Amino acid sequence: MILEAAMLHIKTGMTADFEESFREASPLIASIDGYLGHELQKCLEDDHKYLLLVRWRSLEDHKEGFRGSPQYERWKALLHHYYNPFPVVEHFDSVFRNEGGGA
């Protein structure tokens, strides 16, 4: 599994609209082969900052599958105008994971 991570800085006064647009855009990414799940987290210290995490089967599923799809064009139209600056998207491979829930 590959974890895509992007820190999203939303323009002032646009967070409610962004969240609504994100809900509309979510099924687009979920329809892509190799998609395993995603979540959007809102920063507690800065209410215009969000962390987007997307789990993919492979890097190619994101970079070629999603970004090369018609769904991505709609995703861009719905969401990209909210960002300032445009986010850096990075991909991670697990080295260690502890699910918690100890004794």
PDB file of N, CA and C in Angstrom:
ATOM      1  N   MET A   1       0.838  -1.184   0.000  1.00  0.00           N
ATOM      2  CA  MET A   1       0.000   0.000   0.000  1.00  0.00           C
ATOM      3  C   MET A   1       0.882   1.246   0.000  1.00  0.00           C
ATOM      4  N   ILE A   2       0.467   2.239  -0.741  1.00  0.00           N
ATOM      5  CA  ILE A   2       1.141   3.538  -0.799  1.00  0.00           C
ATOM      6  C   ILE A   2       0.220   4.569  -0.163  1.00  0.00           C
ATOM      7  N   LEU A   3       0.787   5.447   0.662  1.00  0.00           N
ATOM      8  CA  LEU A   3       0.019   6.526   1.284  1.00  0.00           C
ATOM      9  C   LEU A   3       0.392   7.840   0.612  1.00  0.00           C
ATOM     10  N   GLU A   4      -0.598   8.465   0.021  1.00  0.00           N
ATOM     11  CA  GLU A   4      -0.439   9.805  -0.564  1.00  0.00           C
ATOM     12  C   GLU A   4      -0.791  10.810   0.521  1.00  0.00           C
ATOM     13  N   ALA A   5       0.034  11.839   0.677  1.00  0.00           N
ATOM     14  CA  ALA A   5      -0.215  12.869   1.691  1.00  0.00           C
ATOM     15  C   ALA A   5      -0.059  14.248   1.055  1.00  0.00           C
ATOM     16  N   ALA A   6      -1.021  15.117   1.355  1.00  0.00           N
ATOM     17  CA  ALA A   6      -0.965  16.493   0.847  1.00  0.00           C
ATOM     18  C   ALA A   6      -1.487  17.434   1.931  1.00  0.00           C
ATOM     19  N   MET A   7      -0.693  18.437   2.268  1.00  0.00           N
ATOM     20  CA  MET A   7      -1.126  19.487   3.180  1.00  0.00           C
ATOM     21  C   MET A   7      -1.819  20.553   2.332  1.00  0.00           C
ATOM     22  N   LEU A   8      -3.103  20.777   2.630  1.00  0.00           N
ATOM     23  CA  LEU A   8      -3.915  21.710   1.845  1.00  0.00           C
ATOM     24  C   LEU A   8      -4.136  22.990   2.636  1.00  0.00           C
ATOM     25  N   HIS A   9      -3.705  24.101   2.081  1.00  0.00           N
ATOM     26  CA  HIS A   9      -3.937  25.421   2.674  1.00  0.00           C
ATOM     27  C   HIS A   9      -5.077  26.064   1.885  1.00  0.00           C
ATOM     28  N   ILE A  10      -6.188  26.304   2.563  1.00  0.00           N
ATOM     29  CA  ILE A  10      -7.394  26.807   1.906  1.00  0.00           C
ATOM     30  C   ILE A  10      -7.456  28.329   2.049  1.00  0.00           C
ATOM     31  N   LYS A  11      -7.848  28.979   0.988  1.00  0.00           N
ATOM     32  CA  LYS A  11      -7.943  30.444   0.996  1.00  0.00           C
ATOM     33  C   LYS A  11      -8.899  30.912   2.092  1.00  0.00           C
ATOM     34  N   THR A  12      -8.583  32.061   2.673  1.00  0.00           N
ATOM     35  CA  THR A  12      -9.368  32.638   3.759  1.00  0.00           C
ATOM     36  C   THR A  12     -10.837  32.771   3.372  1.00  0.00           C
ATOM     37  N   GLY A  13     -11.690  32.332   4.284  1.00  0.00           N
ATOM     38  CA  GLY A  13     -13.126  32.458   4.093  1.00  0.00           C
ATOM     39  C   GLY A  13     -13.751  31.402   3.198  1.00  0.00           C
ATOM     40  N   MET A  14     -12.973  30.411   2.788  1.00  0.00           N
ATOM     41  CA  MET A  14     -13.496  29.427   1.835  1.00  0.00           C
ATOM     42  C   MET A  14     -13.572  28.009   2.407  1.00  0.00           C
ATOM     43  N   THR A  15     -13.368  27.832   3.703  1.00  0.00           N
ATOM     44  CA  THR A  15     -13.304  26.475   4.243  1.00  0.00           C
ATOM     45  C   THR A  15     -14.644  25.739   4.144  1.00  0.00           C
ATOM     46  N   ALA A  16     -15.745  26.402   4.418  1.00  0.00           N
ATOM     47  CA  ALA A  16     -17.052  25.728   4.349  1.00  0.00           C
ATOM     48  C   ALA A  16     -17.344  25.284   2.914  1.00  0.00           C
ATOM     49  N   ASP A  17     -17.065  26.153   1.948  1.00  0.00           N
ATOM     50  CA  ASP A  17     -17.276  25.793   0.542  1.00  0.00           C
ATOM     51  C   ASP A  17     -16.338  24.658   0.133  1.00  0.00           C
ATOM     52  N   PHE A  18     -15.084  24.716   0.601  1.00  0.00           N
ATOM     53  CA  PHE A  18     -14.133  23.657   0.299  1.00  0.00           C
ATOM     54  C   PHE A  18     -14.631  22.317   0.824  1.00  0.00           C
ATOM     55  N   GLU A  19     -15.089  22.283   2.072  1.00  0.00           N
ATOM     56  CA  GLU A  19     -15.561  21.031   2.660  1.00  0.00           C
ATOM     57  C   GLU A  19     -16.756  20.465   1.881  1.00  0.00           C
ATOM     58  N   GLU A  20     -17.636  21.328   1.449  1.00  0.00           N
ATOM     59  CA  GLU A  20     -18.783  20.887   0.652  1.00  0.00           C
ATOM     60  C   GLU A  20     -18.324  20.328  -0.692  1.00  0.00           C
ATOM     61  N   SER A  21     -17.394  21.028  -1.335  1.00  0.00           N
ATOM     62  CA  SER A  21     -16.873  20.564  -2.614  1.00  0.00           C
ATOM     63  C   SER A  21     -16.105  19.257  -2.452  1.00  0.00           C
ATOM     64  N   PHE A  22     -15.400  19.116  -1.331  1.00  0.00           N
ATOM     65  CA  PHE A  22     -14.655  17.888  -1.087  1.00  0.00           C
ATOM     66  C   PHE A  22     -15.596  16.691  -0.959  1.00  0.00           C
ATOM     67  N   ARG A  23     -16.711  16.887  -0.264  1.00  0.00           N
ATOM     68  CA  ARG A  23     -17.705  15.802  -0.160  1.00  0.00           C
ATOM     69  C   ARG A  23     -18.230  15.412  -1.548  1.00  0.00           C
ATOM     70  N   GLU A  24     -18.424  16.398  -2.398  1.00  0.00           N
ATOM     71  CA  GLU A  24     -18.891  16.122  -3.760  1.00  0.00           C
ATOM     72  C   GLU A  24     -17.809  15.403  -4.580  1.00  0.00           C
ATOM     73  N   ALA A  25     -16.551  15.759  -4.355  1.00  0.00           N
ATOM     74  CA  ALA A  25     -15.444  15.186  -5.130  1.00  0.00           C
ATOM     75  C   ALA A  25     -15.045  13.789  -4.661  1.00  0.00           C
ATOM     76  N   SER A  26     -15.333  13.454  -3.430  1.00  0.00           N
ATOM     77  CA  SER A  26     -14.860  12.185  -2.860  1.00  0.00           C
ATOM     78  C   SER A  26     -15.235  10.947  -3.670  1.00  0.00           C
ATOM     79  N   PRO A  27     -16.456  10.826  -4.165  1.00  0.00           N
ATOM     80  CA  PRO A  27     -16.775   9.635  -4.972  1.00  0.00           C
ATOM     81  C   PRO A  27     -15.943   9.521  -6.251  1.00  0.00           C
ATOM     82  N   LEU A  28     -15.419  10.624  -6.746  1.00  0.00           N
ATOM     83  CA  LEU A  28     -14.613  10.594  -7.959  1.00  0.00           C
ATOM     84  C   LEU A  28     -13.333   9.794  -7.735  1.00  0.00           C
ATOM     85  N   ILE A  29     -12.636  10.101  -6.658  1.00  0.00           N
ATOM     86  CA  ILE A  29     -11.381   9.400  -6.368  1.00  0.00           C
ATOM     87  C   ILE A  29     -11.666   7.962  -5.960  1.00  0.00           C
ATOM     88  N   ALA A  30     -12.764   7.753  -5.264  1.00  0.00           N
ATOM     89  CA  ALA A  30     -13.117   6.414  -4.790  1.00  0.00           C
ATOM     90  C   ALA A  30     -13.448   5.456  -5.935  1.00  0.00           C
ATOM     91  N   SER A  31     -13.731   5.982  -7.110  1.00  0.00           N
ATOM     92  CA  SER A  31     -14.120   5.135  -8.247  1.00  0.00           C
ATOM     93  C   SER A  31     -12.923   4.591  -9.024  1.00  0.00           C
ATOM     94  N   ILE A  32     -11.714   4.988  -8.644  1.00  0.00           N
ATOM     95  CA  ILE A  32     -10.514   4.626  -9.409  1.00  0.00           C
ATOM     96  C   ILE A  32      -9.986   3.256  -8.983  1.00  0.00           C
ATOM     97  N   ASP A  33      -9.610   2.430  -9.955  1.00  0.00           N
ATOM     98  CA  ASP A  33      -9.004   1.134  -9.668  1.00  0.00           C
ATOM     99  C   ASP A  33      -7.720   1.348  -8.865  1.00  0.00           C
ATOM    100  N   GLY A  34      -7.561   0.608  -7.795  1.00  0.00           N
ATOM    101  CA  GLY A  34      -6.379   0.733  -6.944  1.00  0.00           C
ATOM    102  C   GLY A  34      -6.575   1.646  -5.756  1.00  0.00           C
ATOM    103  N   TYR A  35      -7.689   2.348  -5.713  1.00  0.00           N
ATOM    104  CA  TYR A  35      -8.021   3.203  -4.571  1.00  0.00           C
ATOM    105  C   TYR A  35      -8.388   2.314  -3.389  1.00  0.00           C
ATOM    106  N   LEU A  36      -7.830   2.624  -2.204  1.00  0.00           N
ATOM    107  CA  LEU A  36      -8.095   1.836  -1.005  1.00  0.00           C
ATOM    108  C   LEU A  36      -8.786   2.624   0.104  1.00  0.00           C
ATOM    109  N   GLY A  37      -8.846   3.948  -0.005  1.00  0.00           N
ATOM    110  CA  GLY A  37      -9.514   4.755   1.013  1.00  0.00           C
ATOM    111  C   GLY A  37      -8.862   6.123   1.129  1.00  0.00           C
ATOM    112  N   HIS A  38      -9.614   7.049   1.722  1.00  0.00           N
ATOM    113  CA  HIS A  38      -9.038   8.385   1.944  1.00  0.00           C
ATOM    114  C   HIS A  38      -9.696   9.031   3.147  1.00  0.00           C
ATOM    115  N   GLU A  39      -9.023  10.056   3.658  1.00  0.00           N
ATOM    116  CA  GLU A  39      -9.562  10.845   4.761  1.00  0.00           C
ATOM    117  C   GLU A  39      -9.036  12.267   4.655  1.00  0.00           C
ATOM    118  N   LEU A  40      -9.829  13.176   5.183  1.00  0.00           N
ATOM    119  CA  LEU A  40      -9.462  14.586   5.228  1.00  0.00           C
ATOM    120  C   LEU A  40      -9.494  15.002   6.685  1.00  0.00           C
ATOM    121  N   GLN A  41      -8.374  15.513   7.176  1.00  0.00           N
ATOM    122  CA  GLN A  41      -8.251  15.963   8.560  1.00  0.00           C
ATOM    123  C   GLN A  41      -8.114  17.483   8.584  1.00  0.00           C
ATOM    124  N   LYS A  42      -8.798  18.136   9.528  1.00  0.00           N
ATOM    125  CA  LYS A  42      -8.709  19.594   9.677  1.00  0.00           C
ATOM    126  C   LYS A  42      -7.776  19.911  10.836  1.00  0.00           C
ATOM    127  N   CYS A  43      -6.867  20.830  10.633  1.00  0.00           N
ATOM    128  CA  CYS A  43      -5.889  21.227  11.643  1.00  0.00           C
ATOM    129  C   CYS A  43      -6.579  21.955  12.799  1.00  0.00           C
ATOM    130  N   LEU A  44      -6.223  21.601  14.016  1.00  0.00           N
ATOM    131  CA  LEU A  44      -6.793  22.251  15.195  1.00  0.00           C
ATOM    132  C   LEU A  44      -6.188  23.630  15.447  1.00  0.00           C
ATOM    133  N   GLU A  45      -4.938  23.825  15.045  1.00  0.00           N
ATOM    134  CA  GLU A  45      -4.277  25.107  15.282  1.00  0.00           C
ATOM    135  C   GLU A  45      -4.512  26.137  14.189  1.00  0.00           C
ATOM    136  N   ASP A  46      -4.857  25.692  13.000  1.00  0.00           N
ATOM    137  CA  ASP A  46      -5.060  26.590  11.861  1.00  0.00           C
ATOM    138  C   ASP A  46      -6.263  26.071  11.068  1.00  0.00           C
ATOM    139  N   ASP A  47      -7.403  26.731  11.206  1.00  0.00           N
ATOM    140  CA  ASP A  47      -8.636  26.206  10.619  1.00  0.00           C
ATOM    141  C   ASP A  47      -8.712  26.336   9.098  1.00  0.00           C
ATOM    142  N   HIS A  48      -7.647  26.816   8.467  1.00  0.00           N
ATOM    143  CA  HIS A  48      -7.587  26.859   7.003  1.00  0.00           C
ATOM    144  C   HIS A  48      -6.613  25.816   6.453  1.00  0.00           C
ATOM    145  N   LYS A  49      -6.149  24.914   7.322  1.00  0.00           N
ATOM    146  CA  LYS A  49      -5.190  23.890   6.923  1.00  0.00           C
ATOM    147  C   LYS A  49      -5.821  22.513   7.095  1.00  0.00           C
ATOM    148  N   TYR A  50      -5.661  21.674   6.068  1.00  0.00           N
ATOM    149  CA  TYR A  50      -6.195  20.314   6.059  1.00  0.00           C
ATOM    150  C   TYR A  50      -5.098  19.356   5.618  1.00  0.00           C
ATOM    151  N   LEU A  51      -5.211  18.129   6.088  1.00  0.00           N
ATOM    152  CA  LEU A  51      -4.316  17.069   5.655  1.00  0.00           C
ATOM    153  C   LEU A  51      -5.149  16.031   4.906  1.00  0.00           C
ATOM    154  N   LEU A  52      -4.809  15.807   3.649  1.00  0.00           N
ATOM    155  CA  LEU A  52      -5.463  14.795   2.835  1.00  0.00           C
ATOM    156  C   LEU A  52      -4.570  13.568   2.788  1.00  0.00           C
ATOM    157  N   LEU A  53      -5.131  12.432   3.168  1.00  0.00           N
ATOM    158  CA  LEU A  53      -4.430  11.150   3.112  1.00  0.00           C
ATOM    159  C   LEU A  53      -5.234  10.205   2.225  1.00  0.00           C
ATOM    160  N   VAL A  54      -4.559   9.640   1.231  1.00  0.00           N
ATOM    161  CA  VAL A  54      -5.212   8.701   0.319  1.00  0.00           C
ATOM    162  C   VAL A  54      -4.363   7.440   0.267  1.00  0.00           C
ATOM    163  N   ARG A  55      -5.007   6.297   0.412  1.00  0.00           N
ATOM    164  CA  ARG A  55      -4.321   5.018   0.344  1.00  0.00           C
ATOM    165  C   ARG A  55      -4.554   4.402  -1.034  1.00  0.00           C
ATOM    166  N   TRP A  56      -3.449   4.016  -1.670  1.00  0.00           N
ATOM    167  CA  TRP A  56      -3.472   3.428  -3.003  1.00  0.00           C
ATOM    168  C   TRP A  56      -2.788   2.072  -2.976  1.00  0.00           C
ATOM    169  N   ARG A  57      -3.216   1.192  -3.852  1.00  0.00           N
ATOM    170  CA  ARG A  57      -2.568  -0.115  -4.003  1.00  0.00           C
ATOM    171  C   ARG A  57      -1.130   0.066  -4.502  1.00  0.00           C
ATOM    172  N   SER A  58      -0.932   1.017  -5.436  1.00  0.00           N
ATOM    173  CA  SER A  58       0.401   1.274  -5.990  1.00  0.00           C
ATOM    174  C   SER A  58       0.527   2.745  -6.358  1.00  0.00           C
ATOM    175  N   LEU A  59       1.743   3.187  -6.539  1.00  0.00           N
ATOM    176  CA  LEU A  59       1.997   4.567  -6.961  1.00  0.00           C
ATOM    177  C   LEU A  59       1.388   4.822  -8.343  1.00  0.00           C
ATOM    178  N   GLU A  60       1.453   3.839  -9.214  1.00  0.00           N
ATOM    179  CA  GLU A  60       0.902   3.983 -10.558  1.00  0.00           C
ATOM    180  C   GLU A  60      -0.610   4.179 -10.539  1.00  0.00           C
ATOM    181  N   ASP A  61      -1.284   3.539  -9.571  1.00  0.00           N
ATOM    182  CA  ASP A  61      -2.736   3.714  -9.470  1.00  0.00           C
ATOM    183  C   ASP A  61      -3.092   5.182  -9.245  1.00  0.00           C
ATOM    184  N   HIS A  62      -2.260   5.889  -8.514  1.00  0.00           N
ATOM    185  CA  HIS A  62      -2.510   7.321  -8.296  1.00  0.00           C
ATOM    186  C   HIS A  62      -2.018   8.154  -9.471  1.00  0.00           C
ATOM    187  N   LYS A  63      -0.729   8.027  -9.777  1.00  0.00           N
ATOM    188  CA  LYS A  63      -0.108   8.933 -10.738  1.00  0.00           C
ATOM    189  C   LYS A  63      -0.597   8.724 -12.169  1.00  0.00           C
ATOM    190  N   GLU A  64      -0.873   7.495 -12.537  1.00  0.00           N
ATOM    191  CA  GLU A  64      -1.328   7.224 -13.899  1.00  0.00           C
ATOM    192  C   GLU A  64      -2.838   6.971 -13.939  1.00  0.00           C
ATOM    193  N   GLY A  65      -3.316   6.151 -13.012  1.00  0.00           N
ATOM    194  CA  GLY A  65      -4.733   5.808 -13.009  1.00  0.00           C
ATOM    195  C   GLY A  65      -5.633   6.985 -12.706  1.00  0.00           C
ATOM    196  N   PHE A  66      -5.422   7.632 -11.562  1.00  0.00           N
ATOM    197  CA  PHE A  66      -6.285   8.750 -11.185  1.00  0.00           C
ATOM    198  C   PHE A  66      -5.955  10.002 -11.977  1.00  0.00           C
ATOM    199  N   ARG A  67      -4.701  10.376 -11.985  1.00  0.00           N
ATOM    200  CA  ARG A  67      -4.343  11.630 -12.664  1.00  0.00           C
ATOM    201  C   ARG A  67      -4.562  11.596 -14.172  1.00  0.00           C
ATOM    202  N   GLY A  68      -4.657  10.423 -14.736  1.00  0.00           N
ATOM    203  CA  GLY A  68      -4.923  10.306 -16.172  1.00  0.00           C
ATOM    204  C   GLY A  68      -6.386  10.093 -16.497  1.00  0.00           C
ATOM    205  N   SER A  69      -7.241  10.230 -15.503  1.00  0.00           N
ATOM    206  CA  SER A  69      -8.652   9.900 -15.690  1.00  0.00           C
ATOM    207  C   SER A  69      -9.532  11.137 -15.870  1.00  0.00           C
ATOM    208  N   PRO A  70     -10.733  10.962 -16.447  1.00  0.00           N
ATOM    209  CA  PRO A  70     -11.719  12.050 -16.501  1.00  0.00           C
ATOM    210  C   PRO A  70     -12.164  12.469 -15.100  1.00  0.00           C
ATOM    211  N   GLN A  71     -12.149  11.526 -14.135  1.00  0.00           N
ATOM    212  CA  GLN A  71     -12.524  11.860 -12.758  1.00  0.00           C
ATOM    213  C   GLN A  71     -11.570  12.909 -12.182  1.00  0.00           C
ATOM    214  N   TYR A  72     -10.286  12.795 -12.532  1.00  0.00           N
ATOM    215  CA  TYR A  72      -9.314  13.776 -12.029  1.00  0.00           C
ATOM    216  C   TYR A  72      -9.605  15.166 -12.585  1.00  0.00           C
ATOM    217  N   GLU A  73     -10.018  15.260 -13.823  1.00  0.00           N
ATOM    218  CA  GLU A  73     -10.350  16.573 -14.399  1.00  0.00           C
ATOM    219  C   GLU A  73     -11.492  17.218 -13.621  1.00  0.00           C
ATOM    220  N   ARG A  74     -12.475  16.437 -13.251  1.00  0.00           N
ATOM    221  CA  ARG A  74     -13.600  16.956 -12.446  1.00  0.00           C
ATOM    222  C   ARG A  74     -13.131  17.305 -11.040  1.00  0.00           C
ATOM    223  N   TRP A  75     -12.268  16.464 -10.436  1.00  0.00           N
ATOM    224  CA  TRP A  75     -11.668  16.716  -9.119  1.00  0.00           C
ATOM    225  C   TRP A  75     -10.969  18.071  -9.125  1.00  0.00           C
ATOM    226  N   LYS A  76     -10.146  18.306 -10.145  1.00  0.00           N
ATOM    227  CA  LYS A  76      -9.435  19.586 -10.256  1.00  0.00           C
ATOM    228  C   LYS A  76     -10.414  20.755 -10.325  1.00  0.00           C
ATOM    229  N   ALA A  77     -11.440  20.625 -11.138  1.00  0.00           N
ATOM    230  CA  ALA A  77     -12.414  21.708 -11.293  1.00  0.00           C
ATOM    231  C   ALA A  77     -13.133  22.004  -9.979  1.00  0.00           C
ATOM    232  N   LEU A  78     -13.393  20.969  -9.204  1.00  0.00           N
ATOM    233  CA  LEU A  78     -14.096  21.154  -7.931  1.00  0.00           C
ATOM    234  C   LEU A  78     -13.211  21.723  -6.833  1.00  0.00           C
ATOM    235  N   LEU A  79     -11.921  21.375  -6.817  1.00  0.00           N
ATOM    236  CA  LEU A  79     -11.105  21.639  -5.628  1.00  0.00           C
ATOM    237  C   LEU A  79      -9.898  22.559  -5.812  1.00  0.00           C
ATOM    238  N   HIS A  80      -9.265  22.559  -6.956  1.00  0.00           N
ATOM    239  CA  HIS A  80      -7.969  23.228  -7.058  1.00  0.00           C
ATOM    240  C   HIS A  80      -8.017  24.737  -6.855  1.00  0.00           C
ATOM    241  N   HIS A  81      -9.140  25.368  -7.080  1.00  0.00           N
ATOM    242  CA  HIS A  81      -9.207  26.822  -6.918  1.00  0.00           C
ATOM    243  C   HIS A  81      -9.234  27.257  -5.443  1.00  0.00           C
ATOM    244  N   TYR A  82      -9.359  26.311  -4.515  1.00  0.00           N
ATOM    245  CA  TYR A  82      -9.365  26.647  -3.086  1.00  0.00           C
ATOM    246  C   TYR A  82      -7.960  26.768  -2.495  1.00  0.00           C
ATOM    247  N   TYR A  83      -6.939  26.220  -3.151  1.00  0.00           N
ATOM    248  CA  TYR A  83      -5.612  26.095  -2.557  1.00  0.00           C
ATOM    249  C   TYR A  83      -4.758  27.348  -2.749  1.00  0.00           C
ATOM    250  N   ASN A  84      -4.071  27.726  -1.679  1.00  0.00           N
ATOM    251  CA  ASN A  84      -3.075  28.798  -1.751  1.00  0.00           C
ATOM    252  C   ASN A  84      -2.079  28.616  -0.604  1.00  0.00           C
ATOM    253  N   PRO A  85      -0.876  28.142  -0.942  1.00  0.00           N
ATOM    254  CA  PRO A  85      -0.351  27.797  -2.261  1.00  0.00           C
ATOM    255  C   PRO A  85      -0.849  26.420  -2.695  1.00  0.00           C
ATOM    256  N   PHE A  86      -0.526  26.074  -3.934  1.00  0.00           N
ATOM    257  CA  PHE A  86      -0.890  24.755  -4.423  1.00  0.00           C
ATOM    258  C   PHE A  86      -0.099  23.716  -3.630  1.00  0.00           C
ATOM    259  N   PRO A  87      -0.743  22.638  -3.203  1.00  0.00           N
ATOM    260  CA  PRO A  87      -0.065  21.686  -2.321  1.00  0.00           C
ATOM    261  C   PRO A  87       0.994  20.832  -3.017  1.00  0.00           C
ATOM    262  N   VAL A  88       1.970  20.443  -2.223  1.00  0.00           N
ATOM    263  CA  VAL A  88       2.939  19.440  -2.629  1.00  0.00           C
ATOM    264  C   VAL A  88       2.330  18.091  -2.247  1.00  0.00           C
ATOM    265  N   VAL A  89       2.301  17.174  -3.182  1.00  0.00           N
ATOM    266  CA  VAL A  89       1.769  15.835  -2.937  1.00  0.00           C
ATOM    267  C   VAL A  89       2.949  14.878  -2.861  1.00  0.00           C
ATOM    268  N   GLU A  90       2.997  14.107  -1.760  1.00  0.00           N
ATOM    269  CA  GLU A  90       4.081  13.156  -1.566  1.00  0.00           C
ATOM    270  C   GLU A  90       3.497  11.770  -1.319  1.00  0.00           C
ATOM    271  N   HIS A  91       4.318  10.753  -1.566  1.00  0.00           N
ATOM    272  CA  HIS A  91       3.883   9.367  -1.435  1.00  0.00           C
ATOM    273  C   HIS A  91       4.809   8.635  -0.471  1.00  0.00           C
ATOM    274  N   PHE A  92       4.223   7.789   0.372  1.00  0.00           N
ATOM    275  CA  PHE A  92       4.972   7.108   1.416  1.00  0.00           C
ATOM    276  C   PHE A  92       4.685   5.617   1.401  1.00  0.00           C
ATOM    277  N   ASP A  93       5.704   4.856   1.774  1.00  0.00           N
ATOM    278  CA  ASP A  93       5.599   3.414   1.909  1.00  0.00           C
ATOM    279  C   ASP A  93       5.874   3.078   3.376  1.00  0.00           C
ATOM    280  N   SER A  94       5.088   2.206   3.951  1.00  0.00           N
ATOM    281  CA  SER A  94       5.155   1.908   5.374  1.00  0.00           C
ATOM    282  C   SER A  94       6.486   1.248   5.764  1.00  0.00           C
ATOM    283  N   VAL A  95       7.056   1.744   6.847  1.00  0.00           N
ATOM    284  CA  VAL A  95       8.240   1.152   7.450  1.00  0.00           C
ATOM    285  C   VAL A  95       7.861   0.454   8.752  1.00  0.00           C
ATOM    286  N   PHE A  96       6.959   1.075   9.502  1.00  0.00           N
ATOM    287  CA  PHE A  96       6.511   0.537  10.784  1.00  0.00           C
ATOM    288  C   PHE A  96       5.111   1.038  11.051  1.00  0.00           C
ATOM    289  N   ARG A  97       4.284   0.162  11.639  1.00  0.00           N
ATOM    290  CA  ARG A  97       2.912   0.557  11.974  1.00  0.00           C
ATOM    291  C   ARG A  97       2.492  -0.167  13.248  1.00  0.00           C
ATOM    292  N   ASN A  98       1.931   0.566  14.197  1.00  0.00           N
ATOM    293  CA  ASN A  98       1.399  -0.001  15.432  1.00  0.00           C
ATOM    294  C   ASN A  98      -0.041   0.463  15.535  1.00  0.00           C
ATOM    295  N   GLU A  99      -0.957  -0.446  15.537  1.00  0.00           N
ATOM    296  CA  GLU A  99      -2.391  -0.116  15.588  1.00  0.00           C
ATOM    297  C   GLU A  99      -2.860   0.221  16.989  1.00  0.00           C
ATOM    298  N   GLY A 100      -2.026   0.067  18.000  1.00  0.00           N
ATOM    299  CA  GLY A 100      -2.449   0.359  19.364  1.00  0.00           C
ATOM    300  C   GLY A 100      -3.323  -0.744  19.928  1.00  0.00           C
ATOM    301  N   GLY A 101      -4.096  -0.389  20.962  1.00  0.00           N
ATOM    302  CA  GLY A 101      -4.992  -1.362  21.551  1.00  0.00           C
ATOM    303  C   GLY A 101      -4.286  -2.376  22.429  1.00  0.00           C
ATOM    304  N   GLY A 102      -3.170  -1.946  23.053  1.00  0.00           N
ATOM    305  CA  GLY A 102      -2.419  -2.851  23.919  1.00  0.00           C
ATOM    306  C   GLY A 102      -3.243  -3.320  25.120  1.00  0.00           C
ATOM    307  N   ALA A 103      -2.648  -4.207  25.881  1.00  0.00           N
ATOM    308  CA  ALA A 103      -3.335  -4.840  27.018  1.00  0.00           C
ATOM    309  C   ALA A 103      -3.808  -3.904  28.065  1.00  0.00           C
TER     310      ALA A 103
END
